[in-house]
Amino acid sequence: MTKTMMTDEQLNQIRSVSIIDLLSKQGYHPVEKNAPGIWFKAPWRDEKEASLKVAPDLNVWFDYGANVGGDGISLIQFQHGKHFPEACEMIQSLMNGIVFDSTPVQMPSRTIHQKKNVEYDHLDEQEIVSPAILRYLAGRRICKAIADRYCIELHYGKTPEENYYSLAFKTGEKSYELRNANFKGCIGPKSIAILYAHGDSETEEKAKACVVFEGFFNMLTYVQLLQQGSPVCITDYPCDMIVLNSAAFVPHAQPIFDEYEKIHCYLDNDKTGHSKTQEVLDRNPGKAFDESERYAAYNDLNDYLCGRIQFRPEDEPTEE
C-alpha cells in the first residue's frame, strides 16, 4: 500500500477518537466500570476476566495480559497487526470516514519511536556469552547474574548471512530493546514492561508500590544498587518495576499507575525527565514521588552507579 503524508492536525484528530468508541464499533463493550478506568475483555484472546483497561480521561489503554498499551492508533496496530498508515485508515473507516481528505499520507517524521527500529528476517535468542557484550556490561557496572535475569543476547539480521548481535531486553513476543557499546535500537513495537516484585503469576500478591524507569539499563542499575543496599533504592517495602522504554509513554502508563498506592519516579535528570516526572506527580497527587534527587549530581541511575557526574553549564568556571 502507498504510504501517505498526514498533517499534524489530521494525526491529532485521529488520536482524539475515543478508544471506547473504537472498541464499541468493533462489537466490544465494557464489562466493568470504576473510578480509575473502564475494563474490557481483550479482543485478541479468549478470557474469562477483563484485562484490557481504558483510561477515558487520557484516552489510553493498557492490556495487563500482554503488558502493552498506548493510544487508539497503537490499539488498532496491536489488535489487527496493522502498520501505522493502515491503522489510521482503519480508524477512519470505523468512524465513518472522519478526518482525512485525499491528501497522500506517510508515516509522520516525528513519532515516539526515537531510536532506530531494526529490520530483520531471523532472530536467535542466546545466553549472554559474547565478550563484547560482557565488556559492555562491565563498563556500565552491571554484573552478569543480573543481566542474565532480565536480558538475553540476541543475534539478528536481514539475511542468514548477516549476524548482528546486541544485549536485548524482551518486551513482547518479537519485540526487543537493543543495546551494545555502539548502538541503541529496537525490534518490533515499543511497549511498557512491568516486572513484578512477587513474580509474574496471577496468583501472586501484587505489590502496592512501583518504581518507574525510562529505560531497561536504569532498571538493571536499580537492581544492582538494591543488591548492594544503596540508599538510592526504596527498601521499606517491595516494589514492582515499570520500564517505560520511552519517556513519551508516560501518559500511556497512567492506567498502570492507577493500580498502585505509591509511585517512585527514577527518570533522568534532564529537561525531558523532569517534565515527565512532573506529569506523573500532577496526575497522581499524594502518591507519586520524584526520586531523582537521590542522584541529583548525575544524569541517570547508571551514571550514578558508574560515578559519572554530569556537567552543567552553570558549573563551568568563569573567566576573571
Protein backbone atom coordinates (compact mmCIF):
# COMPACT_ATOMS: atom_id res chain seq x y z
CA MET A 1 0.00 0.00 0.00
CA THR A 2 1.11 3.54 -0.71
CA LYS A 3 2.09 5.47 2.38
CA THR A 4 0.50 8.86 2.77
CA MET A 5 1.50 12.16 4.23
CA MET A 6 -0.64 13.33 7.10
CA THR A 7 -0.69 16.72 8.74
CA ASP A 8 -0.28 17.16 12.49
CA GLU A 9 -3.90 18.32 12.64
CA GLN A 10 -5.14 15.15 10.94
CA LEU A 11 -2.98 12.95 13.14
CA ASN A 12 -4.22 14.68 16.29
CA GLN A 13 -7.80 14.26 15.09
CA ILE A 14 -7.29 10.53 14.65
CA ARG A 15 -5.65 10.22 18.06
CA SER A 16 -8.57 12.08 19.64
CA VAL A 17 -11.02 9.36 18.60
CA SER A 18 -12.33 7.65 21.73
CA ILE A 19 -10.78 4.23 22.32
CA ILE A 20 -14.07 3.15 23.87
CA ASP A 21 -15.83 4.13 20.63
CA LEU A 22 -13.22 2.25 18.57
CA LEU A 23 -13.86 -0.92 20.56
CA SER A 24 -17.62 -0.40 20.50
CA LYS A 25 -17.61 -0.03 16.70
CA GLN A 26 -16.00 -3.48 16.55
CA GLY A 27 -18.59 -5.02 18.85
CA TYR A 28 -16.63 -4.92 22.12
CA HIS A 29 -18.25 -3.34 25.16
CA PRO A 30 -17.16 -2.65 28.76
CA VAL A 31 -17.69 -5.38 31.31
CA GLU A 32 -16.78 -3.24 34.31
CA LYS A 33 -16.51 0.44 35.13
CA ASN A 34 -14.78 2.03 38.09
CA ALA A 35 -13.33 5.40 39.03
CA PRO A 36 -9.84 4.96 37.56
CA GLY A 37 -10.84 3.20 34.34
CA ILE A 38 -13.12 1.09 32.16
CA TRP A 39 -12.42 -2.61 31.63
CA PHE A 40 -12.90 -4.79 28.53
CA LYS A 41 -12.16 -8.39 27.72
CA ALA A 42 -9.18 -8.26 25.37
CA PRO A 43 -10.39 -8.76 21.77
CA TRP A 44 -7.19 -10.62 20.84
CA ARG A 45 -7.66 -13.58 23.20
CA ASP A 46 -10.33 -15.64 24.93
CA GLU A 47 -10.51 -14.68 28.60
CA LYS A 48 -12.95 -15.01 31.47
CA GLU A 49 -11.91 -11.86 33.34
CA ALA A 50 -11.30 -8.49 31.73
CA SER A 51 -7.64 -7.48 31.45
CA LEU A 52 -7.86 -4.57 29.00
CA LYS A 53 -8.16 -1.25 30.82
CA VAL A 54 -9.07 2.07 29.19
CA ALA A 55 -8.47 5.41 30.92
CA PRO A 56 -11.07 7.63 29.20
CA ASP A 57 -9.73 10.91 30.59
CA LEU A 58 -6.36 10.33 28.91
CA ASN A 59 -7.77 8.18 26.06
CA VAL A 60 -5.13 5.47 26.52
CA TRP A 61 -5.32 1.71 27.04
CA PHE A 62 -3.25 -1.00 28.68
CA ASP A 63 -3.52 -4.77 28.36
CA TYR A 64 -2.36 -6.41 31.60
CA GLY A 65 -2.26 -9.81 29.91
CA ALA A 66 0.27 -8.75 27.28
CA ASN A 67 1.92 -5.81 29.12
CA VAL A 68 1.32 -3.46 26.20
CA GLY A 69 -0.66 -0.27 25.75
CA GLY A 70 -0.86 3.11 24.07
CA ASP A 71 -3.23 5.33 22.13
CA GLY A 72 -6.02 4.43 19.70
CA ILE A 73 -3.67 4.02 16.76
CA SER A 74 -1.46 1.57 18.66
CA LEU A 75 -4.62 -0.33 19.72
CA ILE A 76 -5.55 -0.96 16.08
CA GLN A 77 -1.94 -1.78 15.23
CA PHE A 78 -1.73 -4.35 18.02
CA GLN A 79 -5.23 -5.75 17.54
CA HIS A 80 -5.07 -6.23 13.78
CA GLY A 81 -1.34 -6.35 13.04
CA LYS A 82 -1.54 -3.12 11.02
CA HIS A 83 1.24 -0.74 10.08
CA PHE A 84 0.82 2.88 11.19
CA PRO A 85 -0.84 4.26 8.00
CA GLU A 86 -3.09 1.18 7.72
CA ALA A 87 -4.22 1.66 11.33
CA CYS A 88 -5.04 5.31 10.62
CA GLU A 89 -7.11 4.29 7.60
CA MET A 90 -8.94 1.63 9.62
CA ILE A 91 -9.84 4.17 12.31
CA GLN A 92 -11.11 6.48 9.59
CA SER A 93 -13.25 3.66 8.20
CA LEU A 94 -14.59 2.58 11.60
CA MET A 95 -15.59 6.14 12.41
CA ASN A 96 -17.37 6.59 9.07
CA GLY A 97 -14.68 8.49 7.22
CA ILE A 98 -13.70 11.14 9.74
CA VAL A 99 -10.58 13.14 9.36
CA PHE A 100 -8.95 12.76 6.02
CA ASP A 101 -9.16 14.46 2.71
CA SER A 102 -7.50 12.79 -0.26
CA THR A 103 -4.02 14.08 0.58
CA PRO A 104 -1.47 11.26 0.22
CA VAL A 105 -0.28 10.02 3.67
CA GLN A 106 3.12 8.99 5.01
CA MET A 107 4.38 7.89 8.41
CA PRO A 108 4.97 11.09 10.35
CA SER A 109 8.63 12.02 10.61
CA ARG A 110 8.41 12.50 14.36
CA THR A 111 6.94 9.72 16.48
CA ILE A 112 7.56 8.24 19.89
CA HIS A 113 9.90 5.69 18.25
CA GLN A 114 13.00 7.83 18.56
CA LYS A 115 15.53 5.00 18.43
CA LYS A 116 16.30 3.01 15.30
CA ASN A 117 13.87 0.18 14.63
CA VAL A 118 15.88 -2.73 13.27
CA GLU A 119 14.64 -4.75 10.30
CA TYR A 120 15.31 -8.48 10.47
CA ASP A 121 14.48 -11.81 8.87
CA HIS A 122 15.93 -14.05 11.54
CA LEU A 123 16.21 -13.88 15.33
CA ASP A 124 18.24 -16.10 17.62
CA GLU A 125 17.96 -15.69 21.40
CA GLN A 126 21.05 -16.87 23.25
CA GLU A 127 22.63 -16.78 26.68
CA ILE A 128 24.86 -13.75 27.24
CA VAL A 129 28.35 -15.01 26.32
CA SER A 130 29.76 -12.50 23.83
CA PRO A 131 32.99 -10.94 25.14
CA ALA A 132 31.96 -7.60 23.64
CA ILE A 133 28.61 -7.59 25.48
CA LEU A 134 30.25 -8.76 28.71
CA ARG A 135 32.73 -5.88 28.41
CA TYR A 136 29.84 -3.51 27.74
CA LEU A 137 28.03 -4.68 30.89
CA ALA A 138 31.22 -4.44 32.93
CA GLY A 139 31.78 -0.90 31.65
CA ARG A 140 28.35 0.04 32.95
CA ARG A 141 28.97 -1.91 36.19
CA ILE A 142 26.14 -4.39 35.76
CA CYS A 143 27.03 -7.90 36.91
CA LYS A 144 26.32 -10.78 34.56
CA ALA A 145 23.98 -12.51 37.00
CA ILE A 146 21.61 -9.53 37.00
CA ALA A 147 21.83 -9.14 33.21
CA ASP A 148 21.07 -12.86 32.80
CA ARG A 149 17.97 -12.48 34.97
CA TYR A 150 16.37 -9.84 32.76
CA CYS A 151 18.14 -9.87 29.38
CA ILE A 152 19.42 -12.10 26.60
CA GLU A 153 21.99 -11.93 23.83
CA LEU A 154 20.08 -11.54 20.58
CA HIS A 155 21.52 -12.35 17.15
CA TYR A 156 19.61 -10.93 14.17
CA GLY A 157 19.91 -9.85 10.55
CA LYS A 158 18.14 -9.29 7.26
CA THR A 159 19.65 -12.44 5.75
CA PRO A 160 21.01 -15.67 7.26
CA GLU A 161 24.49 -14.46 6.30
CA GLU A 162 24.12 -11.27 8.32
CA ASN A 163 24.71 -11.69 12.04
CA TYR A 164 24.42 -8.66 14.26
CA TYR A 165 24.13 -9.09 18.00
CA SER A 166 23.19 -6.96 20.97
CA LEU A 167 22.16 -7.12 24.57
CA ALA A 168 18.37 -7.39 24.41
CA PHE A 169 15.55 -6.71 26.84
CA LYS A 170 12.47 -8.57 25.63
CA THR A 171 9.22 -6.58 25.79
CA GLY A 172 6.92 -8.77 23.68
CA GLU A 173 6.80 -11.99 21.67
CA LYS A 174 9.02 -10.50 18.96
CA SER A 175 9.80 -7.12 20.50
CA TYR A 176 13.16 -6.19 21.99
CA GLU A 177 15.09 -3.16 23.19
CA LEU A 178 18.67 -3.47 21.91
CA ARG A 179 21.91 -2.09 23.33
CA ASN A 180 25.59 -2.52 22.71
CA ALA A 181 28.59 -0.23 23.01
CA ASN A 182 27.89 1.45 19.67
CA PHE A 183 24.16 1.07 19.11
CA LYS A 184 20.73 1.74 20.57
CA GLY A 185 17.68 0.38 18.81
CA CYS A 186 14.64 -1.83 18.98
CA ILE A 187 12.92 -4.65 17.15
CA GLY A 188 9.14 -4.66 16.94
CA PRO A 189 6.75 -2.19 18.56
CA LYS A 190 7.96 -0.37 21.66
CA SER A 191 5.90 -1.03 24.77
CA ILE A 192 5.89 -0.62 28.52
CA ALA A 193 7.24 -3.53 30.56
CA ILE A 194 6.15 -4.49 34.09
CA LEU A 195 8.44 -6.61 36.27
CA TYR A 196 6.63 -7.86 39.34
CA ALA A 197 8.29 -7.95 42.75
CA HIS A 198 6.43 -11.16 43.63
CA GLY A 199 6.70 -12.88 40.24
CA ASP A 200 4.52 -12.80 37.14
CA SER A 201 1.96 -15.35 38.25
CA GLU A 202 -1.61 -14.09 38.61
CA THR A 203 -1.77 -15.99 41.91
CA GLU A 204 0.99 -13.87 43.44
CA GLU A 205 0.20 -10.88 45.60
CA LYS A 206 0.63 -7.63 43.71
CA ALA A 207 3.00 -5.05 45.20
CA LYS A 208 1.37 -1.84 46.41
CA ALA A 209 4.20 0.36 45.12
CA CYS A 210 6.21 0.66 41.95
CA VAL A 211 9.46 2.22 40.75
CA VAL A 212 9.50 3.77 37.27
CA PHE A 213 12.40 3.98 34.80
CA GLU A 214 12.77 5.41 31.31
CA GLY A 215 14.87 2.50 30.03
CA PHE A 216 15.89 -1.00 30.98
CA PHE A 217 19.53 -0.14 31.78
CA ASN A 218 18.39 2.07 34.65
CA MET A 219 16.19 -0.82 35.80
CA LEU A 220 19.22 -3.14 35.76
CA THR A 221 21.16 -0.47 37.62
CA TYR A 222 18.44 -0.21 40.28
CA VAL A 223 18.56 -3.98 40.84
CA GLN A 224 22.36 -3.77 41.10
CA LEU A 225 22.12 -0.93 43.63
CA LEU A 226 19.37 -2.73 45.55
CA GLN A 227 21.61 -5.77 45.83
CA GLN A 228 24.34 -3.51 47.21
CA GLY A 229 21.97 -1.96 49.76
CA SER A 230 22.26 1.52 48.26
CA PRO A 231 20.28 4.37 49.91
CA VAL A 232 19.17 5.38 46.41
CA CYS A 233 16.72 2.46 46.41
CA ILE A 234 13.34 2.02 48.10
CA THR A 235 13.91 -0.57 50.82
CA ASP A 236 10.89 -0.05 53.09
CA TYR A 237 8.60 -2.30 51.01
CA PRO A 238 8.69 -4.37 47.79
CA CYS A 239 8.09 -2.51 44.54
CA ASP A 240 7.12 -3.66 41.06
CA MET A 241 9.35 -2.18 38.36
CA ILE A 242 7.86 -0.26 35.41
CA VAL A 243 10.15 0.22 32.39
CA LEU A 244 8.63 2.81 30.05
CA ASN A 245 11.10 2.21 27.20
CA SER A 246 10.35 5.78 26.12
CA ALA A 247 9.68 8.89 28.19
CA ALA A 248 6.89 9.62 25.72
CA PHE A 249 4.98 6.63 27.16
CA VAL A 250 4.29 8.40 30.47
CA PRO A 251 0.63 9.22 29.55
CA HIS A 252 0.12 5.64 28.35
CA ALA A 253 1.33 4.31 31.69
CA GLN A 254 -1.39 6.06 33.69
CA PRO A 255 -3.74 3.02 33.73
CA ILE A 256 -0.86 1.10 35.31
CA PHE A 257 -0.14 3.83 37.85
CA ASP A 258 -3.82 3.78 38.90
CA GLU A 259 -3.24 0.31 40.36
CA TYR A 260 -0.57 1.42 42.86
CA GLU A 261 -0.66 3.24 46.18
CA LYS A 262 2.85 4.68 45.70
CA ILE A 263 4.77 5.55 42.52
CA HIS A 264 8.50 6.28 42.77
CA CYS A 265 9.90 8.00 39.66
CA TYR A 266 13.56 7.36 38.77
CA LEU A 267 13.62 9.28 35.50
CA ASP A 268 16.59 11.12 34.02
CA ASN A 269 17.92 14.39 35.44
CA ASP A 270 17.37 16.31 32.22
CA LYS A 271 14.65 18.56 30.83
CA THR A 272 12.56 15.69 29.47
CA GLY A 273 12.96 13.56 32.59
CA HIS A 274 11.97 16.41 34.90
CA SER A 275 8.99 17.31 32.70
CA LYS A 276 7.70 13.73 32.57
CA THR A 277 8.25 13.24 36.29
CA GLN A 278 6.20 16.36 36.96
CA GLU A 279 3.50 14.98 34.69
CA VAL A 280 3.30 11.80 36.79
CA LEU A 281 3.23 13.85 40.00
CA ASP A 282 0.46 16.12 38.71
CA ARG A 283 -1.71 13.19 37.63
CA ASN A 284 -1.12 11.21 40.83
CA PRO A 285 -1.17 13.76 43.66
CA GLY A 286 -0.17 12.44 47.06
CA LYS A 287 1.07 9.08 45.83
CA ALA A 288 3.78 9.86 43.26
CA PHE A 289 7.31 10.86 44.30
CA ASP A 290 10.30 12.30 42.45
CA GLU A 291 13.31 10.19 43.42
CA SER A 292 15.77 11.86 41.03
CA GLU A 293 17.08 13.98 43.92
CA ARG A 294 18.71 10.80 45.22
CA TYR A 295 21.16 11.04 42.29
CA ALA A 296 20.88 14.78 41.63
CA ALA A 297 24.51 15.21 40.52
CA TYR A 298 24.13 12.55 37.85
CA ASN A 299 22.21 12.35 34.59
CA ASP A 300 20.66 8.99 35.45
CA LEU A 301 20.95 6.00 37.76
CA ASN A 302 23.61 4.27 35.69
CA ASP A 303 25.80 7.37 35.70
CA TYR A 304 25.38 7.37 39.49
CA LEU A 305 26.48 3.74 39.68
CA CYS A 306 29.46 4.46 37.42
CA GLY A 307 30.37 7.70 39.20
CA ARG A 308 29.97 9.85 36.09
CA ILE A 309 28.91 13.26 37.42
CA GLN A 310 27.10 15.23 34.74
CA PHE A 311 28.45 18.55 33.55
CA ARG A 312 26.09 21.51 33.77
CA PRO A 313 26.76 24.86 32.07
CA GLU A 314 26.42 26.69 35.37
CA ASP A 315 29.34 24.62 36.71
CA GLU A 316 31.75 25.99 34.10
CA PRO A 317 34.34 28.31 35.65
CA THR A 318 34.06 31.92 34.53
CA GLU A 319 36.95 33.95 33.25
CA GLU A 320 38.21 36.69 35.53
